[in-house]
Structure formats: C-alpha cells, structure tokens
Amino acid sequence: MPGVEGEIELLQLGHREFGAIEEASFVYTTAFFLVLKFFMRVFGGLHKLSQVADCWSQFGADGSALTIGNFDGVHEGHKAVIGQLRTQAAALNLPVVVMLFEPQPMEFFAKEKAPARLFRLRDKLAALRALQVDAVVVLSFNDRFAGLSAQQFVEQVLVDALQVKTLVIGDDFRFGAKRAGDFALLQSLGARLGFSVFATQSYLLDGERVSSTRVRAALAAGNFDLARRCLGRPYTLVGRVSRGRQLGRQLGFPTANVLLRRNRSVLSGVFAVRFFVDGHAYEGVASIGVNPTVGALDQAQLEVFVFDFEGDLYGKRVEVEMALKIRDELALESLEELKAWIAKDCERARAFFAAT
C-alpha cells in the first residue's frame, strides 16, 4: 500500500518531544507505545490509544495485518516473514504493520548480559521502510508492559488499539507476563475476537536457520560473507562523524570518529572497510573498540582512516561496510608501537582491496 510522502517524525510521546528520527537517538520512556507510520506521524501514551486505529483509515482499511518481533538486523528470515505478511495484507486490503520493542525484551530482563544489537532502532526503521512496510509500532518495554497478562496484551493492544485482522508470527512466539501466552492461545483468542493467525516458516541458508544470533556469530568470527548472505546485504555501521581526540592526526593517520550510539558493539578489532559519504565510496581501515593503548573508553567507538581522502567529514552521515577482519584490538606499550601497527593494518587492507 502506498504511504504518504514526507519525513518520518517523532512527535509527542507521553510528555516528551523528539526531533526527526534521522537526528534523535531513542529515549526510553514510560509511554505505552508509539506508532511510526511511514511518512506519517507518531502517536503515543495510553490516552492516545484511540488515535492509533485512525491511522488505518488513511489506508482505506478498517484494521491491520501485523507481525511482531525484534527484527534485529532485518535479515533474510525477517524479509520472508514480511513477504508472507504482505501476501495476507494484500488479500484483505490491509496495511502491513510491524511491531518492535524498545528496549528489546532481552535487554530489559538481562541488562548488560543481553547480546549486542546488530541494528539501532533508526537502522531497523530504514530497512523496514525499504521493504515497503506501511507502519511500525514501537512498544516501550517497561515494567508496566511486562506486567500485562497474555490476554490483556491481545485484547488491549492487538484488538482494541491496533485492530489486528491477521497476525503472522512464529509458532514458538511467547508473550504476556511470565511468557504465559503461546501460539495456541493466539489462535484461540483470534477465533473469538475476530483475527486470523498464521505461523511463519524458518528461513534456511545452507541447511541452517537464519537468525540474528547466527549473524552475530558470523560477524564475531570475521565471516563477513556468511553475514552478508544471511542479511541479504553487507553488514554496515551508520552514524555521523564527530570530533575526537585528534590522536590519529598526531600519528599521521587522521580518522573519522563515527558515533555508534549504542552501549555495546557486536564487533571489536581492526577491519578493512568500504566507506560511503555523499554518494562516494572509499576504502580504508577501521578500529572498533575502547582504545586500550591510550586509555580505555567507557563505550566502544568506531574510528576510520579513509584512504586517499581530503576534505572535512565533521557532521557528515557516513556508512562503514565491513570487508575483512585484520586483527583483534591490542593494548600496546607506546604510541610509536601503535603507529607501526596502523601502518601494517593499512598495508594489509590495501592488499586485500587490490586483490578483490
């Protein structure tokens, strides 16, 4: 279904105001949920529940076709789910809607023990938009939401708020307080409350299920080809260049410091990368880590030395595509030793790109 052209904006969410999604990092709030309608507006807070269903009328529909998940990485398995959902939606003339969670449930319950994200919220939204998803519902996963019973979740969120007519979900999906709800309960409640439930099929690659966990493992092992095949595209990190400590410049390797805006990174080490800015592609070497040689940072940061580039990158939105893992991050004895290692890293990266 076609959307309405314009910019994605985060408007009033509870008592907070957010800027454009391009600029704003997500702030966790006590709001129950918000809806991002691609190229439309955002609705949030319990007092705005009635406004959510009004979105669907702008699609000429009286309800929605929904799937639910973390969609971390928006990989080939996720794309297959959305393809199945799109088929169901088209048959009923319904908008294609994806439900996400912020923070992700594992992040809420396991805190720092939760696996590192492949995608930030902003990255997920961009990927889902490319798949022609009509709307995204972002549920604020907090104590209040976690305390909803399975039946409350179905009745208050799926039926009353989102007017779900068809739901496409994994048959192992669990929901509600203490994970009491399952696929069978969804089918039972759907039959009573007026929505259909369809199970997704696992998407296999080389005989194994494609999952966010598998992508993380491939990236950790430096197997960027497998990660690319699971994702359907190379793994990239996206962010804006900010001013750093200027240490790279002092060493003769000026770097672009890219804000990751995440507590943990799925990657760590030194990599040969492709660097994209202003529609142009370059090659280079990137470091992802806490810089133990010059004083460890609280969070991992991404620094890129871009080959054969001259110009000002500050404030630019860039994409960094991982091509080859060169080595792990090292705690070295001196800046001179660090400089020598960077020179070796650059030689290896140039040799790699020359051979590909």
Protein backbone atom coordinates (compact mmCIF):
# COMPACT_ATOMS: atom_id res chain seq x y z
CA MET A 1 0.00 0.00 0.00
CA PRO A 2 1.37 3.42 -0.82
CA GLY A 3 2.35 5.72 2.03
CA VAL A 4 2.10 9.48 2.19
CA GLU A 5 5.30 11.27 1.22
CA GLY A 6 7.11 13.36 3.80
CA GLU A 7 9.61 12.94 6.61
CA ILE A 8 9.44 10.43 9.44
CA GLU A 9 8.96 12.45 12.61
CA LEU A 10 8.66 11.55 16.24
CA LEU A 11 6.06 13.85 17.70
CA GLN A 12 4.53 13.90 21.14
CA LEU A 13 5.31 10.70 23.06
CA GLY A 14 3.88 10.96 26.54
CA HIS A 15 5.33 14.19 27.91
CA ARG A 16 8.47 14.20 25.72
CA GLU A 17 9.20 15.72 22.35
CA PHE A 18 11.58 14.12 19.86
CA GLY A 19 13.22 15.51 16.76
CA ALA A 20 13.42 13.82 13.39
CA ILE A 21 14.35 10.14 13.58
CA GLU A 22 17.42 10.97 11.46
CA GLU A 23 18.82 13.02 14.32
CA ALA A 24 17.32 11.60 17.52
CA SER A 25 18.55 8.61 19.45
CA PHE A 26 15.67 6.74 21.05
CA VAL A 27 14.88 7.71 24.64
CA TYR A 28 13.18 5.09 26.76
CA THR A 29 10.02 6.43 28.35
CA THR A 30 7.08 5.17 30.35
CA ALA A 31 4.80 5.64 27.35
CA PHE A 32 2.84 2.52 26.45
CA PHE A 33 3.65 2.60 22.79
CA LEU A 34 4.07 4.78 19.76
CA VAL A 35 3.30 4.28 16.12
CA LEU A 36 5.57 5.32 13.30
CA LYS A 37 3.58 5.40 10.11
CA PHE A 38 5.95 5.58 7.23
CA PHE A 39 5.94 9.09 6.12
CA MET A 40 3.19 9.85 8.62
CA ARG A 41 3.02 10.87 12.30
CA VAL A 42 3.59 9.27 15.69
CA PHE A 43 1.10 8.53 18.41
CA GLY A 44 1.94 7.52 21.98
CA GLY A 45 0.67 7.20 25.51
CA LEU A 46 -2.33 5.38 26.91
CA HIS A 47 -4.51 8.44 26.43
CA LYS A 48 -3.87 8.30 22.67
CA LEU A 49 -4.84 4.68 22.07
CA SER A 50 -7.92 5.69 20.12
CA GLN A 51 -5.81 7.68 17.65
CA VAL A 52 -3.83 4.65 16.53
CA ALA A 53 -6.73 2.97 14.75
CA ASP A 54 -7.38 6.24 12.92
CA CYS A 55 -4.14 5.62 11.01
CA TRP A 56 -5.63 2.65 9.18
CA SER A 57 -8.47 4.68 7.68
CA GLN A 58 -5.84 6.68 5.79
CA PHE A 59 -5.01 3.42 4.01
CA GLY A 60 -8.68 2.84 3.29
CA ALA A 61 -8.68 -0.02 5.78
CA ASP A 62 -10.55 -0.86 8.98
CA GLY A 63 -7.71 -2.80 10.60
CA SER A 64 -4.15 -4.02 10.19
CA ALA A 65 -2.03 -7.02 9.21
CA LEU A 66 0.66 -7.43 11.88
CA THR A 67 3.84 -9.27 12.70
CA ILE A 68 5.79 -8.98 15.96
CA GLY A 69 9.48 -9.32 16.79
CA ASN A 70 12.82 -7.65 17.46
CA PHE A 71 13.79 -7.62 13.77
CA ASP A 72 17.41 -7.08 14.76
CA GLY A 73 19.38 -6.85 11.53
CA VAL A 74 16.26 -7.20 9.36
CA HIS A 75 17.82 -10.32 7.80
CA GLU A 76 16.59 -12.70 5.11
CA GLY A 77 14.40 -14.57 7.59
CA HIS A 78 12.71 -11.32 8.58
CA LYS A 79 12.22 -10.44 4.93
CA ALA A 80 10.50 -13.78 4.35
CA VAL A 81 8.12 -13.07 7.26
CA ILE A 82 7.27 -9.64 5.88
CA GLY A 83 6.75 -11.15 2.44
CA GLN A 84 4.26 -13.61 3.93
CA LEU A 85 2.58 -10.78 5.82
CA ARG A 86 2.37 -8.66 2.69
CA THR A 87 0.54 -11.50 0.89
CA GLN A 88 -2.01 -11.75 3.70
CA ALA A 89 -2.41 -7.96 3.84
CA ALA A 90 -2.97 -7.64 0.11
CA ALA A 91 -5.74 -10.24 0.18
CA LEU A 92 -7.61 -8.23 2.83
CA ASN A 93 -6.63 -4.73 1.68
CA LEU A 94 -4.85 -4.03 5.00
CA PRO A 95 -1.70 -2.04 5.84
CA VAL A 96 1.46 -4.05 6.56
CA VAL A 97 2.45 -3.33 10.17
CA VAL A 98 5.49 -4.43 12.19
CA MET A 99 5.64 -4.33 15.99
CA LEU A 100 9.03 -3.72 17.64
CA PHE A 101 10.13 -3.31 21.24
CA GLU A 102 12.34 -0.68 22.89
CA PRO A 103 14.34 -1.80 24.71
CA GLN A 104 14.33 -5.30 23.28
CA PRO A 105 12.90 -7.75 25.86
CA MET A 106 16.26 -9.44 26.49
CA GLU A 107 17.81 -6.01 27.12
CA PHE A 108 15.07 -5.26 29.66
CA PHE A 109 15.43 -8.52 31.57
CA ALA A 110 19.15 -9.36 31.15
CA LYS A 111 20.51 -5.78 31.05
CA GLU A 112 24.24 -5.80 30.18
CA LYS A 113 24.19 -9.58 29.61
CA ALA A 114 21.90 -9.17 26.59
CA PRO A 115 23.55 -9.73 23.20
CA ALA A 116 24.85 -6.68 21.36
CA ARG A 117 22.49 -5.26 18.76
CA LEU A 118 23.06 -5.58 15.05
CA PHE A 119 20.86 -2.54 14.36
CA ARG A 120 19.80 0.53 16.25
CA LEU A 121 16.13 1.48 16.08
CA ARG A 122 16.88 4.02 13.36
CA ASP A 123 18.57 1.35 11.24
CA LYS A 124 15.62 -1.01 11.63
CA LEU A 125 13.20 1.67 10.51
CA ALA A 126 15.25 2.42 7.39
CA ALA A 127 15.43 -1.29 6.50
CA LEU A 128 11.70 -1.84 7.11
CA ARG A 129 10.83 1.17 5.00
CA ALA A 130 12.85 -0.35 2.15
CA LEU A 131 10.67 -3.48 2.46
CA GLN A 132 7.54 -1.37 1.92
CA VAL A 133 6.22 -1.83 5.44
CA ASP A 134 3.38 0.65 5.93
CA ALA A 135 3.69 1.26 9.67
CA VAL A 136 5.82 0.35 12.65
CA VAL A 137 4.51 0.07 16.20
CA VAL A 138 7.21 0.54 18.84
CA LEU A 139 6.22 -0.77 22.23
CA SER A 140 8.07 0.68 25.20
CA PHE A 141 9.12 -2.47 27.03
CA ASN A 142 8.98 -1.46 30.69
CA ASP A 143 7.64 -2.83 33.96
CA ARG A 144 4.12 -1.79 33.04
CA PHE A 145 4.18 -3.54 29.70
CA ALA A 146 5.99 -6.61 31.05
CA GLY A 147 3.21 -6.96 33.63
CA LEU A 148 0.42 -7.26 31.06
CA SER A 149 -1.16 -10.69 31.02
CA ALA A 150 -1.26 -12.54 27.71
CA GLN A 151 -4.98 -11.90 27.37
CA GLN A 152 -4.58 -8.19 28.22
CA PHE A 153 -1.91 -7.87 25.54
CA VAL A 154 -4.17 -9.40 22.92
CA GLU A 155 -7.32 -7.54 23.90
CA GLN A 156 -5.87 -4.10 24.72
CA VAL A 157 -3.03 -3.85 22.22
CA LEU A 158 -3.74 -6.16 19.29
CA VAL A 159 -7.53 -5.84 19.14
CA ASP A 160 -8.56 -2.56 20.78
CA ALA A 161 -5.60 -0.39 19.77
CA LEU A 162 -4.30 -1.90 16.52
CA GLN A 163 -7.47 -3.57 15.25
CA VAL A 164 -5.47 -6.54 14.02
CA LYS A 165 -7.29 -8.62 11.42
CA THR A 166 -4.46 -11.00 10.56
CA LEU A 167 -1.31 -11.89 12.52
CA VAL A 168 1.78 -13.61 11.12
CA ILE A 169 4.01 -14.93 13.90
CA GLY A 170 6.45 -17.73 14.72
CA ASP A 171 4.84 -20.81 16.26
CA ASP A 172 7.33 -20.53 19.15
CA PHE A 173 6.27 -16.96 19.99
CA ARG A 174 5.68 -16.34 23.71
CA PHE A 175 4.10 -13.22 25.17
CA GLY A 176 2.48 -11.75 28.25
CA ALA A 177 3.60 -11.74 31.88
CA LYS A 178 5.84 -14.74 32.65
CA ARG A 179 5.63 -15.63 28.94
CA ALA A 180 2.32 -17.33 29.61
CA GLY A 181 0.91 -16.76 26.11
CA ASP A 182 1.74 -19.03 23.18
CA PHE A 183 0.71 -19.70 19.59
CA ALA A 184 -2.22 -21.89 20.61
CA LEU A 185 -3.61 -19.13 22.84
CA LEU A 186 -3.29 -16.63 19.99
CA GLN A 187 -5.25 -18.94 17.72
CA SER A 188 -7.94 -19.44 20.38
CA LEU A 189 -8.28 -15.72 21.14
CA GLY A 190 -8.14 -14.87 17.44
CA ALA A 191 -11.06 -17.17 16.69
CA ARG A 192 -13.08 -15.49 19.45
CA LEU A 193 -12.00 -11.89 18.85
CA GLY A 194 -12.03 -11.84 15.06
CA PHE A 195 -8.46 -12.12 13.76
CA SER A 196 -6.62 -14.92 11.96
CA VAL A 197 -3.21 -16.26 12.99
CA PHE A 198 -0.63 -17.70 10.58
CA ALA A 199 2.66 -19.40 11.51
CA THR A 200 5.91 -18.36 9.85
CA GLN A 201 8.36 -20.86 8.44
CA SER A 202 12.06 -20.86 9.29
CA TYR A 203 14.22 -19.42 6.51
CA LEU A 204 17.15 -21.77 5.87
CA LEU A 205 20.57 -20.99 4.42
CA ASP A 206 22.92 -23.94 3.80
CA GLY A 207 20.50 -26.08 5.81
CA GLU A 208 20.60 -23.85 8.91
CA ARG A 209 18.07 -21.34 10.18
CA VAL A 210 18.87 -17.69 9.52
CA SER A 211 18.63 -15.72 12.76
CA SER A 212 20.08 -12.64 14.39
CA THR A 213 22.12 -14.97 16.62
CA ARG A 214 23.66 -16.61 13.55
CA VAL A 215 24.53 -13.22 12.07
CA ARG A 216 26.20 -12.13 15.32
CA ALA A 217 28.23 -15.34 15.39
CA ALA A 218 29.33 -14.86 11.78
CA LEU A 219 30.42 -11.28 12.47
CA ALA A 220 32.28 -12.26 15.63
CA ALA A 221 34.14 -14.90 13.63
CA GLY A 222 35.01 -12.40 10.90
CA ASN A 223 32.91 -14.35 8.39
CA PHE A 224 31.51 -11.31 6.60
CA ASP A 225 30.49 -13.36 3.56
CA LEU A 226 28.16 -15.51 5.65
CA ALA A 227 26.84 -12.43 7.43
CA ARG A 228 26.16 -10.82 4.04
CA ARG A 229 24.28 -13.87 2.81
CA CYS A 230 22.16 -14.02 5.97
CA LEU A 231 21.42 -10.29 5.87
CA GLY A 232 21.00 -10.04 2.11
CA ARG A 233 23.48 -7.14 2.09
CA PRO A 234 26.91 -6.37 3.58
CA TYR A 235 26.98 -5.51 7.27
CA THR A 236 27.40 -1.77 7.72
CA LEU A 237 27.54 0.66 10.60
CA VAL A 238 25.90 4.04 10.08
CA GLY A 239 26.47 7.24 12.00
CA ARG A 240 27.67 10.83 12.00
CA VAL A 241 31.27 11.94 12.21
CA SER A 242 32.13 13.81 15.38
CA ARG A 243 35.28 15.44 16.73
CA GLY A 244 37.54 13.08 18.64
CA ARG A 245 40.82 13.43 20.49
CA GLN A 246 42.78 14.08 17.26
CA LEU A 247 45.20 11.28 18.19
CA GLY A 248 45.08 9.72 14.74
CA ARG A 249 46.10 13.02 13.18
CA GLN A 250 49.08 13.19 15.53
CA LEU A 251 50.14 9.72 14.41
CA GLY A 252 49.81 10.58 10.72
CA PHE A 253 46.56 8.66 10.26
CA PRO A 254 43.68 11.13 10.69
CA THR A 255 40.50 9.24 11.48
CA ALA A 256 36.78 9.92 11.19
CA ASN A 257 35.19 9.27 14.58
CA VAL A 258 31.74 7.82 13.92
CA LEU A 259 29.16 7.94 16.69
CA LEU A 260 27.81 4.43 17.24
CA ARG A 261 25.10 5.47 19.71
CA ARG A 262 24.95 2.03 21.26
CA ASN A 263 26.04 0.61 24.60
CA ARG A 264 27.85 -2.34 23.06
CA SER A 265 29.13 -3.22 19.62
CA VAL A 266 28.75 -6.63 18.03
CA LEU A 267 32.22 -6.12 16.51
CA SER A 268 35.62 -5.39 18.03
CA GLY A 269 39.03 -5.13 16.38
CA VAL A 270 40.60 -3.68 13.25
CA PHE A 271 38.98 -4.08 9.84
CA ALA A 272 39.39 -3.30 6.17
CA VAL A 273 36.29 -1.30 5.27
CA ARG A 274 34.45 0.46 2.50
CA PHE A 275 33.46 3.98 3.46
CA PHE A 276 30.49 5.79 1.91
CA VAL A 277 29.83 9.51 2.19
CA ASP A 278 27.97 11.99 -0.03
CA GLY A 279 27.37 9.33 -2.67
CA HIS A 280 31.07 8.45 -2.99
CA ALA A 281 32.82 5.21 -2.00
CA TYR A 282 36.29 4.94 -0.50
CA GLU A 283 38.40 2.25 1.13
CA GLY A 284 40.08 2.36 4.48
CA VAL A 285 40.89 0.83 7.84
CA ALA A 286 38.55 0.97 10.83
CA SER A 287 39.07 0.32 14.51
CA ILE A 288 36.16 -0.63 16.76
CA GLY A 289 36.95 -0.78 20.45
CA VAL A 290 37.83 1.09 23.61
CA ASN A 291 41.38 2.15 22.64
CA PRO A 292 43.28 0.42 25.50
CA THR A 293 46.65 1.80 24.36
CA VAL A 294 45.70 5.43 25.01
CA GLY A 295 43.31 4.96 27.94
CA ALA A 296 40.26 2.73 27.74
CA LEU A 297 36.91 4.35 26.91
CA ASP A 298 33.61 3.57 28.62
CA GLN A 299 32.00 2.54 25.32
CA ALA A 300 33.34 1.18 22.07
CA GLN A 301 33.87 3.74 19.33
CA LEU A 302 34.36 3.48 15.59
CA GLU A 303 37.34 5.27 14.02
CA VAL A 304 38.04 5.12 10.29
CA PHE A 305 41.19 6.10 8.41
CA VAL A 306 39.93 6.72 4.88
CA PHE A 307 42.45 6.11 2.11
CA ASP A 308 43.14 8.91 -0.36
CA PHE A 309 40.54 11.27 1.06
CA GLU A 310 40.84 15.01 1.51
CA GLY A 311 38.06 17.13 2.96
CA ASP A 312 36.03 17.83 6.05
CA LEU A 313 33.86 14.97 7.32
CA TYR A 314 32.63 16.54 10.55
CA GLY A 315 28.86 16.23 10.89
CA LYS A 316 28.54 14.02 7.80
CA ARG A 317 26.36 10.93 7.86
CA VAL A 318 28.51 8.01 6.72
CA GLU A 319 28.21 4.27 6.18
CA VAL A 320 31.04 1.89 7.02
CA GLU A 321 30.88 -1.54 5.38
CA MET A 322 32.91 -4.32 6.98
CA ALA A 323 35.02 -6.18 4.41
CA LEU A 324 37.79 -8.04 6.28
CA LYS A 325 38.84 -8.51 9.89
CA ILE A 326 42.55 -7.76 10.12
CA ARG A 327 43.20 -8.35 13.82
CA ASP A 328 41.86 -8.02 17.34
CA GLU A 329 42.27 -4.85 19.38
CA LEU A 330 45.61 -4.74 21.17
CA ALA A 331 46.88 -3.00 24.31
CA LEU A 332 50.27 -1.72 23.13
CA GLU A 333 53.18 -0.26 25.06
CA SER A 334 53.57 3.05 23.23
CA LEU A 335 52.16 5.36 20.59
CA GLU A 336 55.11 4.51 18.33
CA GLU A 337 54.17 0.85 18.50
CA LEU A 338 50.56 1.79 17.75
CA LYS A 339 51.67 3.83 14.75
CA ALA A 340 53.64 0.87 13.40
CA TRP A 341 50.65 -1.42 13.77
CA ILE A 342 48.36 1.01 11.98
CA ALA A 343 50.81 1.18 9.08
CA LYS A 344 50.78 -2.63 8.85
CA ASP A 345 46.98 -2.65 9.01
CA CYS A 346 46.82 -0.20 6.11
CA GLU A 347 49.20 -2.30 4.04
CA ARG A 348 47.09 -5.40 4.59
CA ALA A 349 43.86 -3.57 3.79
CA ARG A 350 45.25 -2.11 0.57
CA ALA A 351 46.50 -5.55 -0.47
CA PHE A 352 43.06 -7.05 0.24
CA PHE A 353 41.23 -4.45 -1.82
CA ALA A 354 43.75 -4.74 -4.66
CA ALA A 355 43.05 -8.48 -4.83
CA THR A 356 39.25 -8.17 -4.80
